[in-house]
Amino acid sequence: MEQNKSKENKWLGVGIFAAVTASLCCIAPVLAILGGIGGIASTFSWLEPLRPYLIGISAIALSTAFYQSYKPKKEIDCDCEPEEKSKFINSKKFLWIILIVSVVLFSFPYYSGVFFPNVDNAVANLNSANIVEVKINIEGMTCTSCENTVDYSLKTTDGVLSATSSYKTGIATVEYDKTKIDPEQLKKAIEEKTGFKVKGIKSLRDKNE
């Protein structure tokens, strides 16, 4: 019995470790920028290509742990002393908690936006002649969590009116007031707050043209 519990705990350990590691590339940017250490937001982006494999490893490990826990036990007739009550860490309840935590970690990119407060950049009586739109090529975004991080870093920069980024294209579309900020300052805001690299900025036509 103890041997089975030991095997189960090992698989649980592998499962939760893989789940946490697979989610670092998505969780780190959010924690970094909200914690005021945005420059390290891209630290774990190198893990993104490994994410599917880590999720697979976690799924296999947790499945094996569930099998070890729920498989029929062989009954042995003996005059043994009654078994001590299992520790919580060896219980099925703990197993289900680990599964739920893993699912929450895996799905983090899809709900990461709730951690960012809404930023209203509407400016009354803004001269439309001063509104400029640019597309910024950003290197390092790997998921929707990265998008939310970049958008928030831009929207909280004075002079930016709107910002929408896509990790699939690696492009952020930004509208800003050219009397308050310029493209070089936009680049600086992204790189200093998120750690992602700006590869280029393409200016589009002014709104009044």
Protein backbone atom coordinates (compact mmCIF):
# COMPACT_ATOMS: atom_id res chain seq x y z
CA MET A 1 0.00 0.00 0.00
CA GLU A 2 2.73 2.46 1.00
CA GLN A 3 4.60 1.64 -2.20
CA ASN A 4 1.52 2.48 -4.30
CA LYS A 5 1.09 5.79 -2.45
CA SER A 6 4.75 6.60 -3.05
CA LYS A 7 4.36 6.00 -6.79
CA GLU A 8 1.17 8.06 -6.85
CA ASN A 9 2.88 10.98 -5.09
CA LYS A 10 5.79 10.86 -7.53
CA TRP A 11 3.42 11.09 -10.49
CA LEU A 12 1.54 13.91 -8.78
CA GLY A 13 4.82 15.75 -8.29
CA VAL A 14 5.73 15.36 -11.95
CA GLY A 15 2.25 16.48 -13.01
CA ILE A 16 2.13 19.67 -10.96
CA PHE A 17 5.76 20.55 -11.78
CA ALA A 18 5.06 20.25 -15.52
CA ALA A 19 1.84 22.26 -15.13
CA VAL A 20 3.60 25.11 -13.32
CA THR A 21 6.53 25.13 -15.76
CA ALA A 22 4.18 25.11 -18.77
CA SER A 23 2.36 28.15 -17.39
CA LEU A 24 5.35 30.28 -16.40
CA CYS A 25 5.63 31.87 -19.85
CA CYS A 26 2.02 33.08 -19.51
CA ILE A 27 1.85 33.95 -15.82
CA ALA A 28 5.23 35.72 -15.53
CA PRO A 29 4.34 38.72 -17.77
CA VAL A 30 1.19 39.46 -15.77
CA LEU A 31 2.88 39.16 -12.38
CA ALA A 32 5.87 41.16 -13.57
CA ILE A 33 4.07 44.18 -14.97
CA LEU A 34 1.45 44.34 -12.20
CA GLY A 35 4.23 44.04 -9.64
CA GLY A 36 6.17 46.89 -11.16
CA ILE A 37 8.99 44.70 -12.50
CA GLY A 38 7.80 44.62 -16.08
CA GLY A 39 11.28 44.48 -17.54
CA ILE A 40 11.43 40.78 -16.76
CA ALA A 41 8.02 39.99 -18.24
CA SER A 42 9.55 38.11 -21.17
CA THR A 43 11.96 36.08 -19.03
CA PHE A 44 10.16 32.78 -19.52
CA SER A 45 9.01 33.29 -23.10
CA TRP A 46 11.55 30.64 -24.21
CA LEU A 47 9.32 28.04 -22.56
CA GLU A 48 6.44 28.63 -24.99
CA PRO A 49 7.64 26.11 -27.65
CA LEU A 50 7.83 23.50 -24.87
CA ARG A 51 4.36 24.26 -23.52
CA PRO A 52 2.46 21.56 -25.51
CA TYR A 53 4.99 18.91 -24.42
CA LEU A 54 4.85 20.01 -20.78
CA ILE A 55 1.06 19.91 -20.86
CA GLY A 56 1.27 16.42 -22.32
CA ILE A 57 3.70 15.28 -19.61
CA SER A 58 1.44 16.73 -16.93
CA ALA A 59 -1.63 15.02 -18.40
CA ILE A 60 0.14 11.65 -18.52
CA ALA A 61 1.50 12.03 -14.97
CA LEU A 62 -1.86 13.05 -13.51
CA SER A 63 -3.67 10.27 -15.40
CA THR A 64 -1.22 7.75 -13.98
CA ALA A 65 -1.69 9.16 -10.48
CA PHE A 66 -5.47 8.81 -10.86
CA TYR A 67 -5.06 5.24 -12.07
CA GLN A 68 -2.82 4.37 -9.11
CA SER A 69 -5.37 5.89 -6.74
CA TYR A 70 -8.54 4.39 -8.21
CA LYS A 71 -7.40 0.99 -9.45
CA PRO A 72 -8.91 -1.96 -7.55
CA LYS A 73 -6.84 -2.96 -4.53
CA LYS A 74 -5.96 -6.59 -3.93
CA GLU A 75 -7.34 -7.79 -0.66
CA ILE A 76 -4.94 -9.80 1.49
CA ASP A 77 -6.19 -11.89 4.39
CA CYS A 78 -3.99 -11.42 7.39
CA ASP A 79 -4.09 -10.65 11.06
CA CYS A 80 -2.56 -7.26 10.44
CA GLU A 81 -3.18 -4.22 12.57
CA PRO A 82 -5.73 -1.76 11.13
CA GLU A 83 -4.20 0.72 8.71
CA GLU A 84 -3.66 4.23 9.98
CA LYS A 85 -5.83 6.92 8.45
CA SER A 86 -4.25 8.18 5.21
CA LYS A 87 -2.64 11.59 5.25
CA PHE A 88 -4.43 14.35 3.33
CA ILE A 89 -1.59 14.46 0.78
CA ASN A 90 -2.33 10.80 -0.01
CA SER A 91 -6.08 11.28 -0.30
CA LYS A 92 -8.25 11.33 -3.42
CA LYS A 93 -9.43 14.81 -2.43
CA PHE A 94 -5.86 16.11 -2.69
CA LEU A 95 -5.54 14.41 -6.08
CA TRP A 96 -8.59 16.26 -7.38
CA ILE A 97 -7.29 19.56 -5.99
CA ILE A 98 -4.04 19.09 -7.93
CA LEU A 99 -6.03 18.35 -11.10
CA ILE A 100 -8.12 21.52 -10.69
CA VAL A 101 -5.02 23.64 -10.00
CA SER A 102 -3.37 22.22 -13.13
CA VAL A 103 -6.41 23.04 -15.29
CA VAL A 104 -6.47 26.59 -13.87
CA LEU A 105 -2.77 26.99 -14.73
CA PHE A 106 -3.16 25.63 -18.25
CA SER A 107 -6.08 27.92 -19.04
CA PHE A 108 -4.48 31.06 -17.54
CA PRO A 109 -3.88 32.82 -20.92
CA TYR A 110 -7.61 32.77 -21.63
CA TYR A 111 -8.62 34.67 -18.49
CA SER A 112 -5.46 36.68 -17.76
CA GLY A 113 -7.19 39.87 -18.88
CA VAL A 114 -9.25 39.99 -15.68
CA PHE A 115 -6.10 40.90 -13.73
CA PHE A 116 -5.63 44.15 -15.65
CA PRO A 117 -7.78 47.10 -14.60
CA ASN A 118 -9.67 48.90 -17.33
CA VAL A 119 -7.87 51.97 -18.63
CA ASP A 120 -10.01 54.74 -20.12
CA ASN A 121 -7.89 56.95 -22.36
CA ALA A 122 -10.74 58.98 -23.81
CA VAL A 123 -9.75 62.64 -24.13
CA ALA A 124 -12.37 65.33 -24.49
CA ASN A 125 -11.94 67.95 -27.21
CA LEU A 126 -8.81 66.30 -28.62
CA ASN A 127 -7.80 67.79 -31.95
CA SER A 128 -8.10 64.95 -34.48
CA ALA A 129 -5.14 66.44 -36.37
CA ASN A 130 -2.92 65.32 -33.49
CA ILE A 131 -4.04 61.68 -33.55
CA VAL A 132 -1.57 59.30 -35.19
CA GLU A 133 -1.83 55.54 -35.71
CA VAL A 134 1.16 53.21 -35.91
CA LYS A 135 1.82 49.50 -36.12
CA ILE A 136 4.58 48.21 -33.85
CA ASN A 137 6.41 44.97 -34.59
CA ILE A 138 7.11 43.24 -31.27
CA GLU A 139 9.29 40.20 -30.70
CA GLY A 140 8.60 37.81 -27.83
CA MET A 141 4.80 37.68 -27.46
CA THR A 142 3.65 34.07 -27.21
CA CYS A 143 0.06 34.07 -25.91
CA THR A 144 -2.96 36.20 -25.01
CA SER A 145 -1.36 36.90 -21.65
CA CYS A 146 1.48 38.66 -23.49
CA GLU A 147 -1.07 40.63 -25.51
CA ASN A 148 -2.75 41.86 -22.34
CA THR A 149 0.63 42.80 -20.89
CA VAL A 150 1.66 44.85 -23.94
CA ASP A 151 -1.75 46.52 -24.21
CA TYR A 152 -1.69 47.51 -20.54
CA SER A 153 1.87 48.84 -20.74
CA LEU A 154 0.86 51.08 -23.64
CA LYS A 155 -2.51 52.21 -22.32
CA THR A 156 -0.92 53.33 -19.07
CA THR A 157 1.56 55.51 -20.98
CA ASP A 158 0.65 59.18 -21.16
CA GLY A 159 -0.42 60.19 -24.66
CA VAL A 160 -1.61 56.75 -25.81
CA LEU A 161 -5.29 56.72 -26.76
CA SER A 162 -5.75 53.05 -27.65
CA ALA A 163 -3.68 49.90 -28.07
CA THR A 164 -4.46 46.46 -29.43
CA SER A 165 -1.84 43.76 -29.92
CA SER A 166 -1.74 40.25 -31.39
CA TYR A 167 0.77 37.60 -30.40
CA LYS A 168 -0.04 35.68 -33.61
CA THR A 169 1.14 38.51 -35.86
CA GLY A 170 3.54 40.08 -33.35
CA ILE A 171 1.99 43.49 -34.07
CA ALA A 172 0.46 46.13 -31.82
CA THR A 173 -1.76 48.81 -33.34
CA VAL A 174 -1.57 52.05 -31.38
CA GLU A 175 -3.26 55.43 -31.57
CA TYR A 176 -1.60 58.28 -29.75
CA ASP A 177 -1.51 62.04 -29.35
CA LYS A 178 1.60 63.20 -31.19
CA THR A 179 1.81 66.33 -29.04
CA LYS A 180 2.45 64.17 -25.96
CA ILE A 181 4.42 61.17 -27.18
CA ASP A 182 6.38 59.95 -30.20
CA PRO A 183 7.23 56.49 -31.65
CA GLU A 184 10.58 56.31 -29.87
CA GLN A 185 8.85 56.82 -26.53
CA LEU A 186 6.33 54.11 -27.41
CA LYS A 187 9.21 51.73 -28.08
CA LYS A 188 10.82 52.64 -24.77
CA ALA A 189 7.55 52.10 -22.89
CA ILE A 190 7.13 48.60 -24.32
CA GLU A 191 10.71 47.47 -23.83
CA GLU A 192 11.11 48.87 -20.31
CA LYS A 193 7.73 47.76 -19.01
CA THR A 194 7.50 44.31 -20.62
CA GLY A 195 10.99 43.27 -21.69
CA PHE A 196 9.75 42.44 -25.19
CA LYS A 197 11.80 43.79 -28.09
CA VAL A 198 10.42 46.28 -30.60
CA LYS A 199 11.69 45.36 -34.07
CA GLY A 200 10.14 48.26 -35.94
CA ILE A 201 7.41 50.90 -36.04
CA LYS A 202 5.38 51.65 -39.14
CA SER A 203 3.57 54.97 -39.21
CA LEU A 204 0.12 55.04 -40.77
CA ARG A 205 -1.72 58.10 -41.98
CA ASP A 206 -2.78 60.76 -39.49
CA LYS A 207 -6.48 60.59 -38.66
CA ASN A 208 -7.15 63.93 -40.33
CA GLU A 209 -5.70 62.87 -43.67
